[in-house]
Protein backbone atom coordinates (compact mmCIF):
# COMPACT_ATOMS: atom_id res chain seq x y z
CA MET A 1 15.32 -17.20 -67.03
CA PHE A 2 18.23 -15.25 -68.50
CA ALA A 3 16.48 -11.89 -68.67
CA GLY A 4 18.84 -8.97 -68.24
CA LEU A 5 21.97 -10.49 -69.76
CA PRO A 6 21.77 -8.46 -73.03
CA GLU A 7 21.59 -5.24 -70.97
CA LEU A 8 25.01 -6.13 -69.53
CA GLY A 9 26.44 -7.07 -72.94
CA ILE A 10 26.40 -10.79 -72.19
CA SER A 11 25.08 -13.28 -74.72
CA ASN A 12 22.15 -15.44 -73.74
CA GLY A 13 20.25 -18.38 -75.20
CA GLU A 14 18.59 -16.24 -77.86
CA ASP A 15 21.99 -15.10 -79.12
CA LEU A 16 23.19 -18.71 -79.39
CA LYS A 17 20.03 -19.70 -81.23
CA GLU A 18 20.47 -16.87 -83.73
CA THR A 19 24.15 -17.75 -84.22
CA LEU A 20 23.37 -21.39 -84.91
CA THR A 21 20.50 -20.48 -87.25
CA ASN A 22 22.62 -18.21 -89.46
CA CYS A 23 25.97 -20.05 -89.43
CA THR A 24 27.26 -22.50 -92.06
CA GLU A 25 29.53 -24.45 -89.70
CA PRO A 26 27.71 -25.10 -86.39
CA LEU A 27 30.67 -26.78 -84.60
CA LYS A 28 32.96 -23.85 -85.25
CA ALA A 29 30.20 -21.47 -84.18
CA ILE A 30 29.79 -23.37 -80.89
CA ASP A 31 33.55 -23.29 -80.24
CA GLN A 32 33.59 -19.57 -80.91
CA PHE A 33 30.60 -19.00 -78.58
CA GLN A 34 32.29 -21.02 -75.81
CA MET A 35 35.53 -19.07 -76.18
CA GLU A 36 33.79 -15.69 -76.04
CA ASN A 37 31.45 -16.49 -73.17
CA GLY A 38 33.40 -18.95 -71.08
CA ILE A 39 35.73 -18.16 -68.19
CA LEU A 40 38.23 -15.62 -69.54
CA LEU A 41 41.35 -17.36 -68.30
CA PRO A 42 43.88 -18.27 -71.02
CA THR A 43 45.53 -21.07 -69.02
CA LEU A 44 42.16 -22.72 -68.59
CA GLN A 45 41.62 -23.37 -72.30
CA SER A 46 44.28 -26.09 -72.45
CA ALA A 47 42.91 -27.79 -69.33
CA LEU A 48 39.28 -28.03 -70.45
CA PRO A 49 39.92 -30.97 -72.87
CA PHE A 50 41.06 -33.07 -69.88
CA LEU A 51 37.62 -32.59 -68.37
CA ASP A 52 36.13 -33.76 -71.64
CA LEU A 53 38.27 -36.91 -71.49
CA HIS A 54 36.92 -37.62 -67.97
CA GLY A 55 33.36 -37.19 -69.17
CA THR A 56 32.75 -34.04 -67.09
CA PRO A 57 30.24 -31.81 -68.90
CA ARG A 58 31.32 -28.22 -69.41
CA LEU A 59 28.06 -27.09 -67.79
CA GLU A 60 28.86 -28.96 -64.57
CA PHE A 61 32.35 -27.40 -64.43
CA HIS A 62 31.14 -23.88 -65.10
CA GLN A 63 28.29 -24.28 -62.64
CA SER A 64 30.63 -25.34 -59.83
CA VAL A 65 32.98 -22.41 -60.55
CA PHE A 66 30.00 -20.06 -60.73
CA ASP A 67 28.63 -21.26 -57.36
CA GLU A 68 32.02 -20.83 -55.71
CA LEU A 69 32.46 -17.32 -57.11
CA ARG A 70 28.95 -16.34 -56.04
CA GLU A 71 29.58 -17.39 -52.45
CA LYS A 72 32.88 -15.49 -52.41
CA LEU A 73 31.17 -12.41 -53.80
CA MET A 74 28.39 -12.54 -51.19
CA GLU A 75 30.98 -12.87 -48.42
CA ARG A 76 32.85 -9.91 -49.87
CA VAL A 77 29.68 -7.81 -49.92
CA ALA A 78 29.15 -8.49 -46.20
CA ILE A 79 32.79 -7.64 -45.41
CA ILE A 80 32.60 -4.37 -47.32
CA ALA A 81 29.32 -3.40 -45.61
CA GLU A 82 30.63 -4.15 -42.12
CA GLY A 83 33.95 -2.38 -42.73
CA LYS A 84 34.85 1.22 -41.99
CA ASP A 85 35.68 2.33 -45.53
CA GLU A 86 33.93 5.67 -46.16
CA ASP A 87 33.24 4.59 -49.76
CA ARG A 88 31.74 1.24 -48.79
CA TYR A 89 28.15 2.15 -49.61
CA ARG A 90 29.14 3.77 -52.92
CA LYS A 91 30.87 0.52 -53.90
CA LEU A 92 27.77 -1.46 -53.02
CA GLU A 93 25.55 0.91 -55.01
CA GLU A 94 27.81 0.45 -58.05
CA LEU A 95 27.60 -3.32 -57.66
CA LEU A 96 23.82 -3.01 -57.35
CA GLU A 97 23.63 -1.08 -60.62
CA LYS A 98 25.59 -3.81 -62.40
CA SER A 99 23.75 -6.75 -60.89
CA PHE A 100 20.15 -5.50 -60.54
CA PRO A 101 19.20 -6.22 -64.18
CA LEU A 102 19.78 -9.92 -63.33
CA VAL A 103 17.62 -9.87 -60.21
CA LYS A 104 15.08 -12.22 -61.83
CA MET A 105 17.78 -14.79 -62.61
CA PRO A 106 17.63 -17.40 -59.79
CA SER A 107 21.41 -18.00 -59.81
CA ILE A 108 22.25 -14.26 -59.50
CA GLN A 109 19.31 -13.19 -57.34
CA PRO A 110 21.00 -14.06 -53.98
CA VAL A 111 23.86 -11.67 -54.79
CA VAL A 112 21.46 -8.82 -55.61
CA MET A 113 19.49 -9.49 -52.42
CA GLN A 114 22.70 -9.51 -50.39
CA VAL A 115 23.65 -6.08 -51.75
CA LEU A 116 20.15 -4.69 -51.08
CA LYS A 117 20.21 -6.06 -47.54
CA HIS A 118 23.42 -4.24 -46.65
CA LEU A 119 22.46 -0.85 -48.09
CA PRO A 120 21.08 1.41 -45.33
CA LYS A 121 19.24 3.40 -48.00
CA VAL A 122 18.28 1.53 -51.16
CA PRO A 123 17.68 3.85 -54.16
CA GLU A 124 13.98 4.72 -54.40
CA LYS A 125 13.68 3.40 -57.94
CA LYS A 126 14.95 -0.03 -56.93
CA LEU A 127 12.65 -0.15 -53.90
CA LYS A 128 9.63 0.56 -56.10
CA MET A 129 10.65 -2.18 -58.52
CA VAL A 130 10.95 -4.68 -55.67
CA MET A 131 7.63 -3.61 -54.16
CA ALA A 132 5.86 -3.89 -57.52
CA ASP A 133 7.03 -7.46 -58.07
CA LYS A 134 5.37 -9.92 -55.64
CA GLU A 135 8.03 -12.58 -56.14
CA LEU A 136 10.89 -10.15 -55.49
CA TYR A 137 9.13 -8.63 -52.49
CA LYS A 138 8.59 -12.09 -51.04
CA VAL A 139 12.26 -13.11 -51.16
CA CYS A 140 13.92 -9.82 -50.18
CA ALA A 141 15.44 -9.50 -46.71
CA VAL A 142 13.54 -7.88 -43.83
CA GLU A 143 16.11 -5.05 -43.84
CA VAL A 144 14.88 -4.10 -47.33
CA LYS A 145 11.23 -4.59 -46.43
CA ARG A 146 11.60 -2.14 -43.54
CA GLN A 147 12.59 0.56 -46.00
CA ILE A 148 9.50 -0.26 -48.07
CA TRP A 149 7.14 -0.45 -45.08
CA GLN A 150 8.11 2.86 -43.49
CA ASP A 151 6.54 4.73 -46.40
CA ASN A 152 3.70 2.26 -47.00
CA GLN A 153 1.61 1.94 -43.87
CA ALA A 154 -1.11 -0.07 -45.61
CA LEU A 155 1.39 -2.68 -46.82
CA PHE A 156 2.97 -2.86 -43.38
CA GLY A 157 -0.49 -3.24 -41.85
CA ASP A 158 -1.17 -6.20 -44.15
CA GLU A 159 2.00 -7.85 -42.85
CA VAL A 160 1.36 -7.09 -39.16
CA SER A 161 -2.38 -7.84 -39.03
CA PRO A 162 -2.10 -11.67 -39.18
CA LEU A 163 0.44 -11.59 -36.35
CA LEU A 164 -1.83 -9.50 -34.14
CA LYS A 165 -4.72 -11.88 -34.81
CA GLN A 166 -2.47 -14.86 -34.03
CA TYR A 167 -1.47 -13.29 -30.71
CA ILE A 168 -5.09 -12.80 -29.63
CA VAL A 169 -6.00 -16.35 -30.69
CA GLU A 170 -3.11 -17.73 -28.62
CA LYS A 171 -4.17 -15.73 -25.55
CA GLU A 172 -7.80 -16.82 -25.88
CA ALA A 173 -6.68 -20.43 -26.30
CA ALA A 174 -4.63 -20.17 -23.10
CA LEU A 175 -7.58 -18.71 -21.17
CA PHE A 176 -9.99 -21.43 -22.30
CA SER A 177 -7.50 -24.27 -22.15
CA SER A 178 -8.85 -27.62 -20.97
CA ASP A 179 -5.80 -27.88 -18.70
CA LEU A 180 -7.14 -26.57 -15.40
CA SER A 181 -4.41 -26.24 -12.79
CA ILE A 182 -3.40 -23.86 -10.06
CA LEU A 183 0.27 -24.54 -10.74
CA HIS A 184 0.06 -23.98 -14.49
CA ASN A 185 -2.20 -21.10 -15.43
CA PHE A 186 -2.38 -18.04 -17.68
CA PHE A 187 0.22 -16.15 -15.65
CA SER A 188 2.59 -19.06 -14.98
CA PRO A 189 5.18 -18.21 -17.68
CA SER A 190 7.65 -15.55 -16.57
CA PRO A 191 7.56 -12.12 -18.28
CA LYS A 192 10.82 -12.90 -20.08
CA THR A 193 9.38 -16.18 -21.40
CA ARG A 194 6.21 -14.47 -22.58
CA ARG A 195 8.08 -11.82 -24.53
CA GLN A 196 10.04 -14.52 -26.32
CA GLY A 197 6.87 -15.86 -27.92
CA GLU A 198 6.67 -16.30 -31.69
CA VAL A 199 4.55 -13.23 -32.44
CA VAL A 200 6.60 -10.87 -30.27
CA LEU A 201 9.86 -12.06 -31.79
CA LYS A 202 8.52 -11.71 -35.34
CA LEU A 203 7.30 -8.17 -34.67
CA THR A 204 10.62 -7.30 -33.05
CA GLN A 205 12.47 -8.53 -36.13
CA MET A 206 10.16 -6.63 -38.47
CA ILE A 207 10.68 -3.39 -36.56
CA GLY A 208 14.43 -3.66 -36.04
CA LYS A 209 15.69 -0.21 -34.99
CA ASN A 210 13.12 1.66 -37.05
CA VAL A 211 11.24 4.10 -34.80
CA LYS A 212 8.70 4.86 -37.53
CA LEU A 213 7.70 1.20 -37.83
CA TYR A 214 7.49 0.90 -34.04
CA ASP A 215 5.13 3.88 -33.93
CA MET A 216 3.00 2.26 -36.63
CA VAL A 217 2.66 -0.96 -34.61
CA LEU A 218 1.68 1.05 -31.52
CA GLN A 219 -0.88 2.92 -33.60
CA PHE A 220 -2.36 -0.39 -34.79
CA LEU A 221 -2.50 -1.66 -31.19
CA ARG A 222 -4.15 1.52 -29.87
CA THR A 223 -6.76 1.45 -32.62
CA LEU A 224 -7.57 -2.22 -32.02
CA PHE A 225 -7.73 -1.75 -28.25
CA LEU A 226 -10.12 1.19 -28.52
CA ARG A 227 -12.25 -0.79 -30.96
CA THR A 228 -12.34 -4.09 -29.07
CA ARG A 229 -11.36 -3.20 -25.47
CA ASN A 230 -9.31 -6.39 -25.49
CA VAL A 231 -6.63 -6.14 -22.79
CA HIS A 232 -4.32 -8.54 -24.65
CA TYR A 233 -3.37 -5.70 -27.01
CA CYS A 234 -2.03 -3.80 -23.98
CA THR A 235 -0.02 -6.84 -22.93
CA LEU A 236 1.46 -7.13 -26.41
CA ARG A 237 2.44 -3.46 -26.35
CA ALA A 238 4.40 -4.00 -23.11
CA GLU A 239 5.96 -7.29 -24.24
CA LEU A 240 7.08 -5.73 -27.52
CA LEU A 241 8.82 -2.86 -25.73
CA MET A 242 10.55 -5.20 -23.31
CA SER A 243 11.65 -7.48 -26.16
CA LEU A 244 13.33 -4.46 -27.77
CA HIS A 245 14.81 -3.63 -24.36
CA ASP A 246 16.31 -7.13 -24.14
CA LEU A 247 18.01 -6.51 -27.50
CA ASP A 248 19.33 -3.11 -26.32
CA ILE A 249 17.54 -1.24 -29.12
CA SER A 250 18.22 2.15 -27.55
CA GLU A 251 17.01 3.98 -30.67
CA ILE A 252 13.45 2.97 -29.71
CA CYS A 253 13.64 2.43 -25.94
CA SER A 254 15.08 5.92 -25.37
CA VAL A 255 12.12 7.64 -27.03
CA ASP A 256 9.28 5.49 -25.65
CA PRO A 257 7.90 7.23 -22.54
CA CYS A 258 6.75 3.86 -21.17
CA HIS A 259 10.37 2.73 -21.01
CA LYS A 260 11.52 5.64 -18.88
CA ASP A 261 11.45 4.94 -15.04
CA SER A 262 9.94 8.34 -13.14
CA PRO A 263 12.23 11.54 -13.08
CA ASP A 264 11.25 11.98 -9.42
CA LEU A 265 12.30 8.42 -8.65
CA MET A 266 15.61 8.86 -10.47
CA LEU A 267 16.29 12.10 -8.57
CA LEU A 268 15.56 10.45 -5.22
CA LEU A 269 17.80 7.50 -6.07
CA ARG A 270 20.63 9.85 -7.06
CA MET A 271 20.20 11.83 -3.84
CA LEU A 272 20.24 8.61 -1.81
CA SER A 273 23.38 7.46 -3.61
CA LEU A 274 24.97 10.86 -3.05
CA GLY A 275 24.25 10.76 0.67
CA GLN A 276 25.56 7.22 1.04
CA GLY A 277 28.74 8.09 -0.86
CA ALA A 278 29.56 11.14 1.30
CA TRP A 279 32.34 9.46 3.27
CA ASP A 280 33.86 8.03 0.10
CA MET A 281 34.08 11.54 -1.30
CA ILE A 282 35.56 12.92 1.91
CA ASP A 283 38.14 10.13 2.11
CA SER A 284 39.13 10.39 -1.54
CA GLN A 285 38.71 14.18 -1.78
CA VAL A 286 37.01 13.61 -5.15
CA PHE A 287 33.79 15.58 -4.92
CA LYS A 288 31.79 14.09 -7.79
CA GLU A 289 28.42 12.39 -7.82
CA PRO A 290 29.15 8.67 -7.42
CA ARG A 291 28.25 6.39 -10.28
CA TRP A 292 25.43 4.09 -9.33
CA ASP A 293 24.30 0.83 -10.82
CA LEU A 294 21.49 1.40 -13.33
CA GLU A 295 20.40 -2.19 -12.73
CA VAL A 296 19.01 -1.05 -9.38
CA VAL A 297 16.20 0.40 -11.51
CA THR A 298 16.07 -2.26 -14.23
CA ARG A 299 16.58 -5.35 -12.04
CA PHE A 300 16.18 -4.69 -8.32
CA LEU A 301 13.07 -2.48 -8.36
CA PRO A 302 11.12 -4.89 -10.63
CA ALA A 303 12.09 -7.73 -8.27
CA MET A 304 10.89 -5.71 -5.28
CA MET A 305 7.67 -4.85 -7.11
CA SER A 306 7.08 -8.54 -7.81
CA VAL A 307 7.23 -9.10 -4.03
CA VAL A 308 4.66 -6.31 -3.56
CA VAL A 309 2.42 -7.85 -6.23
CA ASP A 310 2.66 -11.30 -4.61
CA ASP A 311 1.58 -9.81 -1.30
CA HIS A 312 -1.28 -7.80 -2.83
CA THR A 313 -2.49 -10.80 -4.85
CA PHE A 314 -2.60 -12.97 -1.74
CA THR A 315 -4.42 -10.27 0.23
CA VAL A 316 -7.08 -9.86 -2.47
CA GLU A 317 -7.49 -13.62 -2.80
CA GLN A 318 -8.10 -13.96 0.93
CA LYS A 319 -10.97 -11.46 0.70
CA LEU A 320 -12.81 -13.51 -1.91
CA PRO A 321 -15.90 -15.55 -0.94
CA SER A 322 -14.94 -18.99 0.30
CA GLU A 323 -16.27 -20.72 -2.82
CA GLU A 324 -13.99 -18.61 -5.02
CA LYS A 325 -10.81 -19.06 -2.98
CA SER A 326 -8.01 -21.27 -4.20
CA SER A 327 -5.62 -23.28 -2.06
CA MET A 328 -3.01 -20.60 -2.73
CA SER A 329 -0.38 -20.28 -0.01
CA TYR A 330 1.73 -17.21 0.69
CA PRO A 331 5.08 -17.32 -1.20
CA THR A 332 8.08 -18.15 0.96
CA THR A 333 10.98 -17.55 -1.43
CA LEU A 334 12.27 -14.28 -2.88
CA PRO A 335 13.53 -13.46 -6.41
CA ASP A 336 17.26 -14.20 -6.71
CA SER A 337 17.96 -10.67 -7.95
CA PHE A 338 16.26 -9.22 -4.84
CA ASN A 339 18.57 -11.10 -2.47
CA ARG A 340 21.64 -10.45 -4.61
CA TYR A 341 21.14 -6.69 -4.72
CA LEU A 342 20.47 -6.52 -0.96
CA GLN A 343 23.90 -8.07 -0.51
CA GLU A 344 25.85 -6.25 -3.21
CA ASN A 345 24.35 -2.79 -3.65
CA ARG A 346 24.21 0.00 -1.07
CA VAL A 347 21.22 1.84 -2.58
CA ALA A 348 19.22 -1.36 -3.10
CA SER A 349 19.95 -2.50 0.45
CA GLU A 350 18.71 0.82 1.87
CA MET A 351 15.47 0.60 -0.12
CA GLY A 352 14.95 -3.02 0.92
CA LEU A 353 15.36 -2.13 4.61
CA TYR A 354 12.85 0.69 4.47
CA TYR A 355 10.40 -1.53 2.63
CA VAL A 356 10.66 -4.01 5.53
CA LEU A 357 9.92 -1.16 7.97
CA HIS A 358 6.92 -0.21 5.84
CA ILE A 359 5.38 -3.70 5.95
CA ALA A 360 6.11 -3.99 9.67
CA LYS A 361 4.24 -0.73 10.25
CA LEU A 362 1.31 -2.21 8.29
CA ARG A 363 1.42 -5.29 10.61
CA ASN A 364 1.92 -7.53 7.57
CA LYS A 365 3.01 -10.76 9.26
CA ASN A 366 3.22 -12.83 6.04
CA ALA A 367 5.47 -10.37 4.24
CA LEU A 368 7.68 -9.97 7.31
CA GLN A 369 8.19 -13.72 7.64
CA ARG A 370 9.18 -13.83 3.97
CA LEU A 371 11.58 -10.87 4.07
CA LEU A 372 13.30 -10.89 7.47
CA PRO A 373 15.57 -13.89 6.72
CA ALA A 374 16.88 -12.02 3.65
CA LEU A 375 18.19 -9.27 5.95
CA MET A 376 20.67 -11.64 7.53
CA ASP A 377 23.11 -10.75 4.72
CA THR A 378 22.89 -7.14 3.54
CA TYR A 379 25.42 -4.70 2.10
CA ASN A 380 27.93 -3.76 4.81
CA ASP A 381 25.57 -5.34 7.41
CA MET A 382 23.22 -2.37 7.07
CA ALA A 383 20.35 -4.38 8.57
CA PHE A 384 22.22 -4.50 11.88
CA GLY A 385 22.72 -0.74 12.14
CA ASP A 386 21.32 1.01 15.20
CA ILE A 387 18.85 3.28 13.41
CA PHE A 388 17.25 0.42 11.47
CA LEU A 389 17.09 -1.89 14.50
CA HIS A 390 15.64 0.91 16.64
CA LEU A 391 12.84 1.44 14.10
CA LEU A 392 12.27 -2.25 13.40
CA THR A 393 11.99 -3.29 17.04
CA GLY A 394 9.57 -0.41 17.62
CA HIS A 395 7.44 -1.46 14.66
CA LEU A 396 7.47 -5.11 15.77
CA THR A 397 5.67 -4.14 18.97
CA LEU A 398 2.66 -3.51 16.72
CA LEU A 399 2.60 -7.26 16.09
CA SER A 400 2.93 -8.18 19.77
CA ASP A 401 0.20 -10.85 19.61
CA GLU A 402 2.10 -12.71 16.87
CA PHE A 403 4.95 -13.45 19.32
CA GLY A 404 2.75 -16.12 20.85
CA SER A 405 3.49 -18.16 17.74
CA GLU A 406 6.69 -20.21 17.70
CA GLU A 407 6.85 -19.85 13.89
CA PHE A 408 6.86 -16.04 14.06
CA CYS A 409 9.37 -16.00 16.95
CA SER A 410 11.63 -18.32 15.01
CA VAL A 411 11.68 -15.97 12.02
CA VAL A 412 12.31 -12.81 14.09
CA PHE A 413 14.90 -14.27 16.44
CA ASP A 414 16.46 -17.40 14.91
CA GLY A 415 16.14 -16.15 11.34
CA PHE A 416 17.41 -12.62 11.93
CA LEU A 417 18.33 -11.08 15.30
CA LEU A 418 20.15 -14.06 16.83
CA THR A 419 22.27 -14.62 13.70
CA SER A 420 24.64 -11.80 14.71
CA PHE A 421 23.94 -10.85 18.33
CA SER A 422 27.03 -12.67 19.62
CA SER A 423 29.36 -10.63 17.42
CA LYS A 424 27.45 -7.35 17.52
CA GLU A 425 26.63 -6.05 20.99
CA ASN A 426 24.26 -3.43 19.60
CA VAL A 427 22.04 -6.20 18.18
CA HIS A 428 22.09 -7.88 21.59
CA ARG A 429 20.97 -4.64 23.26
CA HIS A 430 18.16 -3.94 20.74
CA THR A 431 16.86 -7.50 21.16
CA LEU A 432 16.73 -7.09 24.94
CA ARG A 433 15.08 -3.65 24.56
CA MET A 434 12.30 -5.21 22.50
CA LEU A 435 11.82 -8.10 24.91
CA LEU A 436 11.39 -5.68 27.82
CA HIS A 437 8.15 -4.64 26.12
CA LEU A 438 7.10 -7.97 24.63
CA HIS A 439 8.28 -10.66 27.08
CA HIS A 440 4.76 -11.33 28.37
CA LYS A 441 3.59 -11.99 24.79
CA VAL A 442 6.34 -14.43 23.86
CA LEU A 443 5.60 -18.14 24.16
CA PRO A 444 6.89 -19.06 27.69
CA SER A 445 8.93 -22.05 26.54
CA TYR A 446 10.52 -19.97 23.80
CA MET A 447 11.16 -17.10 26.23
CA GLU A 448 13.01 -19.45 28.55
CA THR A 449 15.31 -20.51 25.70
CA LEU A 450 15.84 -16.88 24.69
CA MET A 451 16.94 -15.89 28.18
CA LYS A 452 19.62 -18.59 28.17
CA THR A 453 20.79 -17.56 24.73
CA LEU A 454 20.82 -13.84 25.50
CA GLU A 455 22.71 -14.08 28.78
CA PRO A 456 25.50 -11.48 28.54
CA PRO A 457 29.06 -12.72 28.22
CA LYS A 458 31.58 -11.81 30.93
CA GLN A 459 33.27 -9.26 28.73
CA CYS A 460 30.41 -6.90 27.85
CA SER A 461 29.30 -3.34 28.56
CA GLU A 462 27.40 -2.26 31.66
CA PRO A 463 24.31 -1.10 29.68
CA LEU A 464 23.95 -4.62 28.26
CA LYS A 465 24.18 -6.19 31.72
CA GLU A 466 21.68 -3.65 33.02
CA LEU A 467 19.17 -4.46 30.27
CA TYR A 468 19.42 -8.20 30.95
CA SER A 469 18.94 -7.59 34.69
CA GLN A 470 15.84 -5.48 34.05
CA LEU A 471 14.38 -8.21 31.84
CA THR A 472 15.15 -10.89 34.45
CA GLU A 473 13.42 -8.84 37.16
CA LYS A 474 10.35 -8.35 34.99
CA LEU A 475 10.12 -12.07 34.31
CA GLU A 476 10.44 -12.86 38.04
CA ALA A 477 7.75 -10.32 38.86
CA GLN A 478 5.53 -11.86 36.21
CA LYS A 479 5.90 -15.29 37.82
CA LYS A 480 4.95 -13.96 41.28
CA SER A 481 1.97 -11.93 40.14
CA PRO A 482 -1.46 -13.63 40.42
CA PRO A 483 -3.03 -15.01 37.27
CA PRO A 484 -5.23 -12.59 35.40
CA PRO A 485 -8.87 -12.46 36.57
CA ASP A 486 -11.54 -14.48 34.86
CA GLU A 487 -12.81 -12.84 31.73
CA THR A 488 -16.44 -13.47 32.79
CA PRO A 489 -18.10 -10.07 33.33
CA SER A 490 -19.07 -9.40 36.96
CA LEU A 491 -22.57 -8.48 38.00
CA ASP A 492 -21.42 -5.66 40.28
CA LEU A 493 -24.35 -3.23 40.60
CA GLY A 494 -22.41 -0.66 42.61
CA LEU A 495 -23.75 -1.85 46.05
CA HIS A 496 -21.31 -2.22 48.94
CA PRO A 497 -21.32 -5.52 50.90
CA VAL A 498 -23.24 -5.49 54.22
CA THR A 499 -22.39 -7.74 57.20
CA VAL A 500 -25.49 -9.38 58.65
CA PRO A 501 -25.18 -10.48 62.34
CA THR A 502 -26.05 -14.09 63.03
CA THR A 503 -26.78 -13.67 66.78
CA THR A 504 -28.70 -11.17 68.89
CA SER A 505 -26.46 -8.55 70.40
CA THR A 506 -26.58 -5.06 71.77
CA PRO A 507 -25.96 -2.62 68.98
CA THR A 508 -22.66 -0.86 69.37
CA THR A 509 -23.83 2.20 67.58
CA PRO A 510 -26.86 4.27 68.29
CA LEU A 511 -29.78 3.75 66.00
């Protein structure tokens, strides 16, 4: 228990035993031993008898002082390590040399472990001694273990292997859970929740900022995936990287190719930002590339991709045989970050608008109904610009048949176009332009309401009045025109009708 004291010149139990065995006056020998090995504070000697009078054992007093000093020393070690003194690590190494012989002493061990924990590079000899002793290895901090693991792949593998097995067991348990629900399934937890699972957090802690250990874990995962073809190892690889991303471990994230968004994408985003910032540069006469929000890549694009995935998932599900379909309905809400960036960021807003044009061109009614209301509030009202409205209204003609639905009309008009037409004449004009082509497809009752709403105010431009007049004329002509012919196919064989006389008469033409 007191191994190592003689090496530091401090008497231990064996020394006391030898003293008492060879002395002639044991009480004097004990007093002498206490004086030499007690707290070396002269003023304390006269106070100790008072403790004796109160029945406080000397051991209890010394133990309390020892505990207090140990805590102060451990705090001091942390302060030195976190300071900016250039000699801080040399001081800690000196303290390690003095204290390491007592590492097996339970009362001193926490101090030694504290010093080891705060040394970025523990001397090789000490590391080997810790690694060779199972008890020491077990209690040392993860910061010390990392230094051991990086040169001992087999030992690190022994530590990581149970965690990898646990992860697979948890995933299998989730897949075969007796809880069968559409609302709560394997993919219900959000990505952030999944990467805060026990195994991922433990692995993240074990790796810290050590690139070598991270590479080892990836090597284990690749080997296991190739051997088992179990996709859960791929999921763990992604969750581990994103967990390190959440902790801003740039030492690892910056070198992992999977963490880097595409150079082509980054170039295009920079070019878009540059183009959008042209007037700012002209006005300020500062001709530098504008700084753009990196969260457009880390927050907005993932949110937009989640919208794409929702749409694709629904489309695939609808193609399944009827017996395999679920009662899944198309999502109606959007990620908060998607809406926020449309409102606050110029680059994100531009990308969001062109994505809406893309889905309109694909005649994707569900996605349009989900996204159009979000365009009511975009950065600098970009959604109500002439170029976008020109393209959008043109693309909407591809979905002309959908305008027979009050739900679709409500989204296009009430949810988007009519929210700003009264304050923006250009929106008014683009809405009328579109209706000139689609009025016959719009639900008649809804069209009647639209005409009342879109009636030009007294103070408006001539082109707007002209457009409304054209639309009114078309609607009037539509009312007067005969109903469309019956869809039943005629039996016209190409013969012309012949008039057959009903009475006898002299032919008017020669036979």
